C-alpha atoms as a PDB file:
ATOM      1  CA  UNK A   1       0.000   0.000   0.000  1.00  0.00           C
ATOM      2  CA  UNK A   2       0.947   3.637  -0.127  1.00  0.00           C
ATOM      3  CA  UNK A   3       0.891   5.732   3.050  1.00  0.00           C
ATOM      4  CA  UNK A   4      -1.399   8.725   3.428  1.00  0.00           C
ATOM      5  CA  UNK A   5       1.498  10.694   4.855  1.00  0.00           C
ATOM      6  CA  UNK A   6       5.230  10.198   5.250  1.00  0.00           C
ATOM      7  CA  UNK A   7       6.720  11.881   8.303  1.00  0.00           C
ATOM      8  CA  UNK A   8      10.490  12.114   8.050  1.00  0.00           C
ATOM      9  CA  UNK A   9      11.910   8.674   7.333  1.00  0.00           C
ATOM     10  CA  UNK A  10       8.794   6.871   8.614  1.00  0.00           C
ATOM     11  CA  UNK A  11       6.377   5.494   6.049  1.00  0.00           C
ATOM     12  CA  UNK A  12       3.663   4.483   8.512  1.00  0.00           C
ATOM     13  CA  UNK A  13       0.017   5.490   8.226  1.00  0.00           C
ATOM     14  CA  UNK A  14      -0.737   2.833   5.620  1.00  0.00           C
ATOM     15  CA  UNK A  15      -4.343   2.283   6.656  1.00  0.00           C
ATOM     16  CA  UNK A  16      -5.761   3.746   3.469  1.00  0.00           C
ATOM     17  CA  UNK A  17      -7.747   2.104   0.695  1.00  0.00           C
ATOM     18  CA  UNK A  18      -7.724   5.129  -1.586  1.00  0.00           C
ATOM     19  CA  UNK A  19      -4.171   6.538  -1.398  1.00  0.00           C
ATOM     20  CA  UNK A  20      -2.607   3.679  -3.413  1.00  0.00           C
ATOM     21  CA  UNK A  21      -5.360   3.915  -6.015  1.00  0.00           C
ATOM     22  CA  UNK A  22      -4.788   7.646  -6.492  1.00  0.00           C
ATOM     23  CA  UNK A  23      -1.219   6.785  -7.563  1.00  0.00           C
ATOM     24  CA  UNK A  24      -2.715   5.045 -10.621  1.00  0.00           C
ATOM     25  CA  UNK A  25      -4.641   8.232 -11.438  1.00  0.00           C
ATOM     26  CA  UNK A  26      -1.486  10.341 -11.090  1.00  0.00           C
ATOM     27  CA  UNK A  27       0.468   7.959 -13.340  1.00  0.00           C
ATOM     28  CA  UNK A  28      -2.289   7.993 -15.966  1.00  0.00           C
ATOM     29  CA  UNK A  29      -2.363  11.798 -15.863  1.00  0.00           C
ATOM     30  CA  UNK A  30       1.405  11.941 -16.354  1.00  0.00           C
ATOM     31  CA  UNK A  31       1.285   9.435 -19.208  1.00  0.00           C
ATOM     32  CA  UNK A  32      -1.425  11.464 -20.916  1.00  0.00           C
ATOM     33  CA  UNK A  33       0.522  14.711 -20.387  1.00  0.00           C
ATOM     34  CA  UNK A  34       3.832  13.513 -21.823  1.00  0.00           C
ATOM     35  CA  UNK A  35       2.477  11.063 -24.379  1.00  0.00           C
ATOM     36  CA  UNK A  36       4.337   7.896 -23.442  1.00  0.00           C
ATOM     37  CA  UNK A  37       4.931   5.610 -20.502  1.00  0.00           C
ATOM     38  CA  UNK A  38       8.667   4.919 -20.790  1.00  0.00           C
ATOM     39  CA  UNK A  39       9.191   6.376 -17.315  1.00  0.00           C
ATOM     40  CA  UNK A  40       7.110   3.494 -15.893  1.00  0.00           C
ATOM     41  CA  UNK A  41      10.158   1.294 -16.532  1.00  0.00           C
ATOM     42  CA  UNK A  42      12.502   3.422 -14.453  1.00  0.00           C
ATOM     43  CA  UNK A  43      13.782   2.019 -11.179  1.00  0.00           C
ATOM     44  CA  UNK A  44      12.457   3.690  -8.050  1.00  0.00           C
ATOM     45  CA  UNK A  45      12.983   3.251  -4.332  1.00  0.00           C
ATOM     46  CA  UNK A  46      16.111   2.737  -2.307  1.00  0.00           C
ATOM     47  CA  UNK A  47      18.165  -0.415  -2.959  1.00  0.00           C
ATOM     48  CA  UNK A  48      18.631  -0.902   0.797  1.00  0.00           C
ATOM     49  CA  UNK A  49      14.864  -1.092   1.433  1.00  0.00           C
ATOM     50  CA  UNK A  50      12.825  -4.275   0.944  1.00  0.00           C
ATOM     51  CA  UNK A  51      11.432  -4.154  -2.582  1.00  0.00           C
ATOM     52  CA  UNK A  52      13.685  -1.200  -3.424  1.00  0.00           C
ATOM     53  CA  UNK A  53      14.776  -0.606  -7.014  1.00  0.00           C
ATOM     54  CA  UNK A  54      11.632  -1.990  -8.605  1.00  0.00           C
ATOM     55  CA  UNK A  55      10.222  -0.195 -11.600  1.00  0.00           C
ATOM     56  CA  UNK A  56       7.153   1.959 -11.100  1.00  0.00           C
ATOM     57  CA  UNK A  57       5.232  -0.494 -13.286  1.00  0.00           C
ATOM     58  CA  UNK A  58       6.257  -3.318 -10.929  1.00  0.00           C
ATOM     59  CA  UNK A  59       5.076  -1.243  -7.964  1.00  0.00           C
ATOM     60  CA  UNK A  60       1.679  -0.639  -9.620  1.00  0.00           C
ATOM     61  CA  UNK A  61       1.298  -4.325 -10.503  1.00  0.00           C
ATOM     62  CA  UNK A  62       2.235  -5.317  -6.949  1.00  0.00           C
ATOM     63  CA  UNK A  63      -0.301  -2.929  -5.427  1.00  0.00           C
ATOM     64  CA  UNK A  64      -3.118  -4.248  -7.642  1.00  0.00           C
ATOM     65  CA  UNK A  65      -2.098  -7.848  -6.992  1.00  0.00           C
ATOM     66  CA  UNK A  66      -2.021  -7.143  -3.245  1.00  0.00           C
ATOM     67  CA  UNK A  67      -5.552  -5.764  -3.380  1.00  0.00           C
ATOM     68  CA  UNK A  68      -6.626  -8.941  -5.182  1.00  0.00           C
ATOM     69  CA  UNK A  69      -5.164 -11.375  -2.664  1.00  0.00           C
ATOM     70  CA  UNK A  70      -5.526  -9.123   0.384  1.00  0.00           C
ATOM     71  CA  UNK A  71      -3.249  -6.773   2.276  1.00  0.00           C
ATOM     72  CA  UNK A  72      -1.986  -7.197   5.823  1.00  0.00           C
ATOM     73  CA  UNK A  73      -4.283  -4.395   6.989  1.00  0.00           C
ATOM     74  CA  UNK A  74      -7.493  -5.914   5.592  1.00  0.00           C
ATOM     75  CA  UNK A  75      -8.031  -4.470   2.108  1.00  0.00           C
ATOM     76  CA  UNK A  76      -9.137  -7.245  -0.248  1.00  0.00           C
ATOM     77  CA  UNK A  77     -10.868  -7.771  -3.563  1.00  0.00           C
ATOM     78  CA  UNK A  78     -14.035  -9.870  -3.352  1.00  0.00           C
ATOM     79  CA  UNK A  79     -13.463 -12.546  -6.025  1.00  0.00           C
ATOM     80  CA  UNK A  80     -17.201 -12.922  -6.718  1.00  0.00           C
ATOM     81  CA  UNK A  81     -17.813  -9.252  -7.519  1.00  0.00           C
ATOM     82  CA  UNK A  82     -14.366  -7.855  -8.310  1.00  0.00           C
ATOM     83  CA  UNK A  83     -15.064  -5.091  -5.760  1.00  0.00           C
ATOM     84  CA  UNK A  84     -12.639  -3.967  -3.055  1.00  0.00           C
ATOM     85  CA  UNK A  85     -13.449  -4.343   0.640  1.00  0.00           C
ATOM     86  CA  UNK A  86     -12.226  -1.427   2.737  1.00  0.00           C
ATOM     87  CA  UNK A  87     -11.941  -1.643   6.541  1.00  0.00           C
ATOM     88  CA  UNK A  88     -13.366   1.120   8.758  1.00  0.00           C
ATOM     89  CA  UNK A  89     -11.412   4.389   8.758  1.00  0.00           C
ATOM     90  CA  UNK A  90      -9.646   3.620   5.451  1.00  0.00           C
ATOM     91  CA  UNK A  91     -11.232   6.207   3.123  1.00  0.00           C
ATOM     92  CA  UNK A  92     -10.914   9.967   2.895  1.00  0.00           C
ATOM     93  CA  UNK A  93     -14.304  10.390   4.628  1.00  0.00           C
ATOM     94  CA  UNK A  94     -13.536   8.316   7.672  1.00  0.00           C
ATOM     95  CA  UNK A  95     -12.367   9.882  10.874  1.00  0.00           C
ATOM     96  CA  UNK A  96     -10.540   8.125  13.651  1.00  0.00           C
ATOM     97  CA  UNK A  97     -12.552   6.239  16.241  1.00  0.00           C
ATOM     98  CA  UNK A  98     -15.437   6.643  16.498  1.00  0.00           C
ATOM     99  CA  UNK A  99     -16.109   7.083  12.813  1.00  0.00           C
ATOM    100  CA  UNK A 100     -18.282  10.078  11.988  1.00  0.00           C
ATOM    101  CA  UNK A 101     -19.284   8.347   8.778  1.00  0.00           C
ATOM    102  CA  UNK A 102     -18.683   4.624   9.230  1.00  0.00           C
ATOM    103  CA  UNK A 103     -17.995   3.068   5.835  1.00  0.00           C
ATOM    104  CA  UNK A 104     -16.514  -0.377   6.422  1.00  0.00           C
ATOM    105  CA  UNK A 105     -17.363  -2.493   3.407  1.00  0.00           C
ATOM    106  CA  UNK A 106     -17.356  -1.445  -0.230  1.00  0.00           C
ATOM    107  CA  UNK A 107     -17.305   2.387  -0.569  1.00  0.00           C
ATOM    108  CA  UNK A 108     -18.349   3.569  -4.033  1.00  0.00           C
ATOM    109  CA  UNK A 109     -15.341   5.847  -4.642  1.00  0.00           C
ATOM    110  CA  UNK A 110     -12.941   2.990  -3.860  1.00  0.00           C
ATOM    111  CA  UNK A 111     -14.667   0.933  -6.562  1.00  0.00           C
ATOM    112  CA  UNK A 112     -14.364   3.813  -9.042  1.00  0.00           C
ATOM    113  CA  UNK A 113     -10.650   4.228  -8.317  1.00  0.00           C
ATOM    114  CA  UNK A 114     -10.131   0.448  -8.437  1.00  0.00           C
ATOM    115  CA  UNK A 115     -11.875   0.225 -11.808  1.00  0.00           C
ATOM    116  CA  UNK A 116      -9.684   3.052 -13.113  1.00  0.00           C
ATOM    117  CA  UNK A 117      -6.528   1.338 -11.798  1.00  0.00           C
ATOM    118  CA  UNK A 118      -7.476  -1.935 -13.489  1.00  0.00           C
ATOM    119  CA  UNK A 119      -8.095  -0.237 -16.838  1.00  0.00           C
ATOM    120  CA  UNK A 120      -4.828   1.660 -16.597  1.00  0.00           C
ATOM    121  CA  UNK A 121      -2.922  -1.552 -15.835  1.00  0.00           C
ATOM    122  CA  UNK A 122      -4.574  -3.265 -18.793  1.00  0.00           C
ATOM    123  CA  UNK A 123      -3.578  -0.349 -21.023  1.00  0.00           C
ATOM    124  CA  UNK A 124       0.069  -0.213 -19.978  1.00  0.00           C
ATOM    125  CA  UNK A 125       0.691  -3.961 -19.692  1.00  0.00           C
ATOM    126  CA  UNK A 126      -1.599  -5.449 -22.335  1.00  0.00           C
ATOM    127  CA  UNK A 127      -2.542  -8.110 -19.778  1.00  0.00           C
ATOM    128  CA  UNK A 128      -6.149  -9.220 -20.194  1.00  0.00           C
ATOM    129  CA  UNK A 129      -6.562 -10.238 -16.552  1.00  0.00           C
ATOM    130  CA  UNK A 130      -6.877  -6.565 -15.585  1.00  0.00           C
ATOM    131  CA  UNK A 131      -9.576  -5.910 -18.216  1.00  0.00           C
ATOM    132  CA  UNK A 132     -11.486  -9.007 -17.097  1.00  0.00           C
ATOM    133  CA  UNK A 133     -11.438  -7.884 -13.477  1.00  0.00           C
ATOM    134  CA  UNK A 134     -12.415  -4.318 -14.460  1.00  0.00           C
ATOM    135  CA  UNK A 135     -15.408  -5.691 -16.391  1.00  0.00           C
ATOM    136  CA  UNK A 136     -16.513  -7.767 -13.391  1.00  0.00           C
ATOM    137  CA  UNK A 137     -16.176  -4.765 -11.047  1.00  0.00           C
ATOM    138  CA  UNK A 138     -18.112  -2.490 -13.444  1.00  0.00           C
ATOM    139  CA  UNK A 139     -20.946  -5.027 -13.753  1.00  0.00           C
ATOM    140  CA  UNK A 140     -21.048  -5.431  -9.971  1.00  0.00           C
ATOM    141  CA  UNK A 141     -21.261  -1.669  -9.405  1.00  0.00           C
ATOM    142  CA  UNK A 142     -24.166  -1.465 -11.857  1.00  0.00           C
ATOM    143  CA  UNK A 143     -25.926  -4.370 -10.190  1.00  0.00           C
ATOM    144  CA  UNK A 144     -25.241  -3.677  -6.494  1.00  0.00           C
ATOM    145  CA  UNK A 145     -24.979   0.121  -6.153  1.00  0.00           C
ATOM    146  CA  UNK A 146     -27.733   1.512  -8.367  1.00  0.00           C
ATOM    147  CA  UNK A 147     -30.702   2.621  -6.255  1.00  0.00           C
ATOM    148  CA  UNK A 148     -33.447   2.661  -8.858  1.00  0.00           C
ATOM    149  CA  UNK A 149     -36.039   4.165  -6.527  1.00  0.00           C
ATOM    150  CA  UNK A 150     -33.715   7.102  -5.729  1.00  0.00           C
ATOM    151  CA  UNK A 151     -31.948   7.294  -9.095  1.00  0.00           C
ATOM    152  CA  UNK A 152     -28.471   7.486  -7.632  1.00  0.00           C
ATOM    153  CA  UNK A 153     -25.724   5.147  -6.473  1.00  0.00           C
ATOM    154  CA  UNK A 154     -25.395   3.839  -2.941  1.00  0.00           C
ATOM    155  CA  UNK A 155     -22.530   5.498  -1.089  1.00  0.00           C
ATOM    156  CA  UNK A 156     -21.278   2.249   0.390  1.00  0.00           C
ATOM    157  CA  UNK A 157     -22.171  -1.405   0.647  1.00  0.00           C
ATOM    158  CA  UNK A 158     -21.714  -1.942   4.393  1.00  0.00           C
ATOM    159  CA  UNK A 159     -20.267  -5.300   5.342  1.00  0.00           C
ATOM    160  CA  UNK A 160     -17.979  -6.863   7.926  1.00  0.00           C
ATOM    161  CA  UNK A 161     -14.581  -8.209   6.897  1.00  0.00           C
ATOM    162  CA  UNK A 162     -14.894 -11.395   4.888  1.00  0.00           C
ATOM    163  CA  UNK A 163     -18.439 -10.726   3.684  1.00  0.00           C
ATOM    164  CA  UNK A 164     -18.947 -10.687  -0.080  1.00  0.00           C
ATOM    165  CA  UNK A 165     -20.304  -7.519  -1.672  1.00  0.00           C
ATOM    166  CA  UNK A 166     -23.474  -9.346  -2.749  1.00  0.00           C
ATOM    167  CA  UNK A 167     -24.407  -9.813   0.928  1.00  0.00           C
ATOM    168  CA  UNK A 168     -23.623  -6.233   1.978  1.00  0.00           C
ATOM    169  CA  UNK A 169     -26.215  -3.638   2.982  1.00  0.00           C
ATOM    170  CA  UNK A 170     -26.504  -0.671   0.605  1.00  0.00           C
ATOM    171  CA  UNK A 171     -26.259   2.769   2.212  1.00  0.00           C
ATOM    172  CA  UNK A 172     -28.927   5.123   0.837  1.00  0.00           C
ATOM    173  CA  UNK A 173     -26.981   8.301   1.651  1.00  0.00           C
ATOM    174  CA  UNK A 174     -26.450  10.632  -1.298  1.00  0.00           C
ATOM    175  CA  UNK A 175     -22.837  11.787  -1.068  1.00  0.00           C
ATOM    176  CA  UNK A 176     -20.417  13.296  -3.582  1.00  0.00           C
ATOM    177  CA  UNK A 177     -18.333  10.103  -3.600  1.00  0.00           C
ATOM    178  CA  UNK A 178     -20.479   8.703  -6.403  1.00  0.00           C
ATOM    179  CA  UNK A 179     -19.184  11.451  -8.700  1.00  0.00           C
ATOM    180  CA  UNK A 180     -15.982   9.436  -9.030  1.00  0.00           C
ATOM    181  CA  UNK A 181     -18.042   6.483 -10.263  1.00  0.00           C
ATOM    182  CA  UNK A 182     -19.849   8.664 -12.775  1.00  0.00           C
END
């Protein structure tokens, strides 16, 4: 994962579902601005650190793969839906305990960023697995988030850790987070 904040030489504060996904957005913006992605093959990190001197592309692949199989802090892709489970306090809206807006489960903006990350990986690697997972996630968002009676997307599918998105409870709050999905 990518920390929300780096203080000095400490890269703690990794309890974030969205920070790593915003790196994909930043990389896509840079690629679009300069017209190529050669810089994705440049080595980054310190050789003395674990995983140091990987290319940025390797870092992006590793982050997406970690979301798929699960991170040490509880972020994981539901294999049935292709959606990403986010623990409590892991999105930009969450506050520290007690959460002002509890959103443990499948927040809509995390799904939008995840979908974007998967498409970007498919584009820069040519690997079909990322497109397949993006398609599954997109179909799941359409099926599980759309609140027909309200004509907007659910803000979050609330669920405890380990629960699939299909068994989560849709939150009927109308929040700006769905703008990322649009």
